[in-house]
C-alpha atoms as a PDB file:
ATOM      1  CA  MET A   1      -6.912  -0.931   9.481  1.00  0.00           C
ATOM      2  CA  SER A   2      -8.292  -1.236   6.028  1.00  0.00           C
ATOM      3  CA  THR A   3      -9.967   2.032   5.239  1.00  0.00           C
ATOM      4  CA  LEU A   4      -8.512   5.476   4.761  1.00  0.00           C
ATOM      5  CA  ALA A   5     -10.716   6.812   7.553  1.00  0.00           C
ATOM      6  CA  GLU A   6      -9.319   4.247  10.008  1.00  0.00           C
ATOM      7  CA  ILE A   7      -5.757   5.074   9.016  1.00  0.00           C
ATOM      8  CA  GLU A   8      -6.373   8.821   9.315  1.00  0.00           C
ATOM      9  CA  THR A   9      -7.915   8.326  12.760  1.00  0.00           C
ATOM     10  CA  ALA A  10      -4.937   6.273  13.922  1.00  0.00           C
ATOM     11  CA  VAL A  11      -2.431   8.809  12.586  1.00  0.00           C
ATOM     12  CA  ASN A  12      -4.336  11.704  14.153  1.00  0.00           C
ATOM     13  CA  ALA A  13      -4.236   9.893  17.522  1.00  0.00           C
ATOM     14  CA  LEU A  14      -0.411   9.868  17.481  1.00  0.00           C
ATOM     15  CA  PRO A  15       1.521  12.576  19.314  1.00  0.00           C
ATOM     16  CA  SER A  16       2.905  15.270  16.987  1.00  0.00           C
ATOM     17  CA  PRO A  17       6.535  14.017  17.085  1.00  0.00           C
ATOM     18  CA  GLN A  18       5.413  10.537  16.013  1.00  0.00           C
ATOM     19  CA  GLN A  19       3.235  11.971  13.239  1.00  0.00           C
ATOM     20  CA  GLU A  20       6.181  13.981  11.950  1.00  0.00           C
ATOM     21  CA  GLU A  21       8.431  10.895  12.004  1.00  0.00           C
ATOM     22  CA  LEU A  22       5.818   8.886  10.129  1.00  0.00           C
ATOM     23  CA  PHE A  23       5.492  11.531   7.422  1.00  0.00           C
ATOM     24  CA  ARG A  24       9.281  11.753   7.059  1.00  0.00           C
ATOM     25  CA  ARG A  25       9.382   8.005   6.341  1.00  0.00           C
ATOM     26  CA  LEU A  26       6.679   8.044   3.691  1.00  0.00           C
ATOM     27  CA  PRO A  27       7.952   7.794   0.131  1.00  0.00           C
ATOM     28  CA  LEU A  28       7.527  10.892  -1.975  1.00  0.00           C
ATOM     29  CA  VAL A  29       5.608  10.240  -5.152  1.00  0.00           C
ATOM     30  CA  PRO A  30       5.606  12.931  -7.824  1.00  0.00           C
ATOM     31  CA  ALA A  31       2.211  14.225  -8.868  1.00  0.00           C
ATOM     32  CA  THR A  32       1.008  12.957 -12.222  1.00  0.00           C
ATOM     33  CA  GLY A  33      -1.596  15.644 -12.742  1.00  0.00           C
ATOM     34  CA  HIS A  34      -4.529  13.235 -12.845  1.00  0.00           C
ATOM     35  CA  SER A  35      -6.597  11.413 -10.259  1.00  0.00           C
ATOM     36  CA  ILE A  36      -5.992   7.732  -9.708  1.00  0.00           C
ATOM     37  CA  THR A  37      -8.837   5.462 -10.726  1.00  0.00           C
ATOM     38  CA  GLN A  38     -10.210   2.456  -8.871  1.00  0.00           C
ATOM     39  CA  GLU A  39      -9.085   0.318 -11.815  1.00  0.00           C
ATOM     40  CA  GLU A  40      -5.486   1.526 -11.350  1.00  0.00           C
ATOM     41  CA  ILE A  41      -5.680   0.688  -7.659  1.00  0.00           C
ATOM     42  CA  ASP A  42      -7.082  -2.770  -8.395  1.00  0.00           C
ATOM     43  CA  ASP A  43      -4.400  -3.412 -11.021  1.00  0.00           C
ATOM     44  CA  ALA A  44      -1.652  -2.388  -8.585  1.00  0.00           C
ATOM     45  CA  LEU A  45      -3.062  -4.652  -5.890  1.00  0.00           C
ATOM     46  CA  ASP A  46      -3.311  -7.564  -8.331  1.00  0.00           C
ATOM     47  CA  SER A  47       0.325  -7.158  -9.386  1.00  0.00           C
ATOM     48  CA  ASP A  48       1.659  -7.601  -5.814  1.00  0.00           C
END
């Protein structure tokens, strides 16, 4: 799974209890008030 659409499809295919468990395990990230740019994504990927 490499695209957001593929991930969304896979999550939507899960039964509700498994979806809820998945969402409980996701880290909470505070909103910054601005949209993320492709450059920010690329920089984050490069730093890993």
